[in-house]
Amino acid sequence: MDPWLLVVIVGIPILWLVGMATFAYYDAGRVGMNQRKWAAISLLVPIFGFFAYLFERSELSYEPETDPYAGGGYNLQDDGDES
């Protein structure tokens, strides 16, 4: 196998994983999350670990005051049937 092909097939995906783990490490520290934990999850669980970090991070900015469903209320649509 050509060495350049090996670099492309193996090296580039590894660089992407390391890049995602590095981003998770620095960003987790910025938002007050455990840096080592999220970097390890992002690195050891490919792709899914990084997206799990992004979803978990987005939960930090939740504001119940702006959520219409926070109090258990439901927004039901009136179907127009008055019977």
C-alpha atoms as a PDB file:
ATOM      1  CA  MET A   1       0.000   0.000   0.000  1.00  0.00           C
ATOM      2  CA  ASP A   2       1.225   3.444  -0.874  1.00  0.00           C
ATOM      3  CA  PRO A   3       2.308   5.406   2.240  1.00  0.00           C
ATOM      4  CA  TRP A   4       0.425   8.511   1.123  1.00  0.00           C
ATOM      5  CA  LEU A   5      -2.779   6.551   0.807  1.00  0.00           C
ATOM      6  CA  LEU A   6      -2.239   5.208   4.322  1.00  0.00           C
ATOM      7  CA  VAL A   7      -1.758   8.753   5.614  1.00  0.00           C
ATOM      8  CA  VAL A   8      -5.016   9.827   3.982  1.00  0.00           C
ATOM      9  CA  ILE A   9      -7.023   6.813   5.136  1.00  0.00           C
ATOM     10  CA  VAL A  10      -5.710   6.679   8.711  1.00  0.00           C
ATOM     11  CA  GLY A  11      -4.079  10.029   9.452  1.00  0.00           C
ATOM     12  CA  ILE A  12      -6.822  12.430   8.483  1.00  0.00           C
ATOM     13  CA  PRO A  13      -9.573  10.752  10.571  1.00  0.00           C
ATOM     14  CA  ILE A  14      -7.222  10.626  13.563  1.00  0.00           C
ATOM     15  CA  LEU A  15      -6.477  14.329  13.145  1.00  0.00           C
ATOM     16  CA  TRP A  16     -10.225  15.058  13.070  1.00  0.00           C
ATOM     17  CA  LEU A  17     -10.749  13.099  16.293  1.00  0.00           C
ATOM     18  CA  VAL A  18      -7.862  14.853  18.018  1.00  0.00           C
ATOM     19  CA  GLY A  19      -9.183  18.202  16.787  1.00  0.00           C
ATOM     20  CA  MET A  20     -12.677  17.515  18.149  1.00  0.00           C
ATOM     21  CA  ALA A  21     -11.235  16.382  21.493  1.00  0.00           C
ATOM     22  CA  THR A  22      -9.057  19.500  21.658  1.00  0.00           C
ATOM     23  CA  PHE A  23     -12.039  21.733  20.948  1.00  0.00           C
ATOM     24  CA  ALA A  24     -14.085  19.956  23.627  1.00  0.00           C
ATOM     25  CA  TYR A  25     -11.217  20.307  26.129  1.00  0.00           C
ATOM     26  CA  TYR A  26     -10.790  24.052  25.703  1.00  0.00           C
ATOM     27  CA  ASP A  27     -14.464  24.857  25.287  1.00  0.00           C
ATOM     28  CA  ALA A  28     -15.481  22.792  28.324  1.00  0.00           C
ATOM     29  CA  GLY A  29     -13.095  24.810  30.469  1.00  0.00           C
ATOM     30  CA  ARG A  30     -14.564  28.019  29.130  1.00  0.00           C
ATOM     31  CA  VAL A  31     -18.153  27.074  30.016  1.00  0.00           C
ATOM     32  CA  GLY A  32     -17.308  25.482  33.386  1.00  0.00           C
ATOM     33  CA  MET A  33     -17.539  21.789  32.523  1.00  0.00           C
ATOM     34  CA  ASN A  34     -15.039  19.017  33.291  1.00  0.00           C
ATOM     35  CA  GLN A  35     -12.353  19.395  30.608  1.00  0.00           C
ATOM     36  CA  ARG A  36     -10.667  16.001  30.894  1.00  0.00           C
ATOM     37  CA  LYS A  37     -13.924  14.080  30.956  1.00  0.00           C
ATOM     38  CA  TRP A  38     -15.313  15.654  27.787  1.00  0.00           C
ATOM     39  CA  ALA A  39     -12.014  15.495  25.924  1.00  0.00           C
ATOM     40  CA  ALA A  40     -11.732  11.780  26.743  1.00  0.00           C
ATOM     41  CA  ILE A  41     -15.331  11.086  25.720  1.00  0.00           C
ATOM     42  CA  SER A  42     -14.848  13.028  22.471  1.00  0.00           C
ATOM     43  CA  LEU A  43     -11.666  11.101  21.682  1.00  0.00           C
ATOM     44  CA  LEU A  44     -12.642   7.596  22.788  1.00  0.00           C
ATOM     45  CA  VAL A  45     -16.199   7.552  21.429  1.00  0.00           C
ATOM     46  CA  PRO A  46     -15.701   8.754  17.849  1.00  0.00           C
ATOM     47  CA  ILE A  47     -18.163  11.299  16.459  1.00  0.00           C
ATOM     48  CA  PHE A  48     -20.959  10.447  18.944  1.00  0.00           C
ATOM     49  CA  GLY A  49     -18.879  11.615  21.927  1.00  0.00           C
ATOM     50  CA  PHE A  50     -18.292  15.018  20.374  1.00  0.00           C
ATOM     51  CA  PHE A  51     -21.965  15.489  19.534  1.00  0.00           C
ATOM     52  CA  ALA A  52     -22.895  14.363  23.060  1.00  0.00           C
ATOM     53  CA  TYR A  53     -20.624  17.126  24.350  1.00  0.00           C
ATOM     54  CA  LEU A  54     -22.301  19.693  22.086  1.00  0.00           C
ATOM     55  CA  PHE A  55     -25.787  18.635  23.208  1.00  0.00           C
ATOM     56  CA  GLU A  56     -24.776  18.652  26.884  1.00  0.00           C
ATOM     57  CA  ARG A  57     -23.214  22.080  26.450  1.00  0.00           C
ATOM     58  CA  SER A  58     -26.385  23.465  24.892  1.00  0.00           C
ATOM     59  CA  GLU A  59     -28.343  22.428  27.996  1.00  0.00           C
ATOM     60  CA  LEU A  60     -26.301  24.901  30.062  1.00  0.00           C
ATOM     61  CA  SER A  61     -28.018  27.865  28.433  1.00  0.00           C
ATOM     62  CA  TYR A  62     -31.562  26.704  29.247  1.00  0.00           C
ATOM     63  CA  GLU A  63     -33.765  29.447  30.706  1.00  0.00           C
ATOM     64  CA  PRO A  64     -37.100  28.227  32.128  1.00  0.00           C
ATOM     65  CA  GLU A  65     -38.542  31.743  32.013  1.00  0.00           C
ATOM     66  CA  THR A  66     -38.485  31.690  28.193  1.00  0.00           C
ATOM     67  CA  ASP A  67     -39.766  28.107  27.832  1.00  0.00           C
ATOM     68  CA  PRO A  68     -43.557  28.020  27.340  1.00  0.00           C
ATOM     69  CA  TYR A  69     -43.678  24.346  28.403  1.00  0.00           C
ATOM     70  CA  ALA A  70     -41.532  24.630  31.568  1.00  0.00           C
ATOM     71  CA  GLY A  71     -44.491  24.738  33.977  1.00  0.00           C
ATOM     72  CA  GLY A  72     -46.090  21.619  32.561  1.00  0.00           C
ATOM     73  CA  GLY A  73     -48.516  23.582  30.409  1.00  0.00           C
ATOM     74  CA  TYR A  74     -49.372  22.460  26.933  1.00  0.00           C
ATOM     75  CA  ASN A  75     -50.118  24.588  23.925  1.00  0.00           C
ATOM     76  CA  LEU A  76     -53.104  22.808  22.410  1.00  0.00           C
ATOM     77  CA  GLN A  77     -54.442  23.901  19.069  1.00  0.00           C
ATOM     78  CA  ASP A  78     -58.153  24.515  18.833  1.00  0.00           C
ATOM     79  CA  ASP A  79     -59.578  22.269  16.112  1.00  0.00           C
ATOM     80  CA  GLY A  80     -62.705  24.425  15.692  1.00  0.00           C
ATOM     81  CA  ASP A  81     -65.129  21.688  16.862  1.00  0.00           C
ATOM     82  CA  GLU A  82     -67.444  23.221  19.489  1.00  0.00           C
ATOM     83  CA  SER A  83     -69.499  20.102  20.231  1.00  0.00           C
END
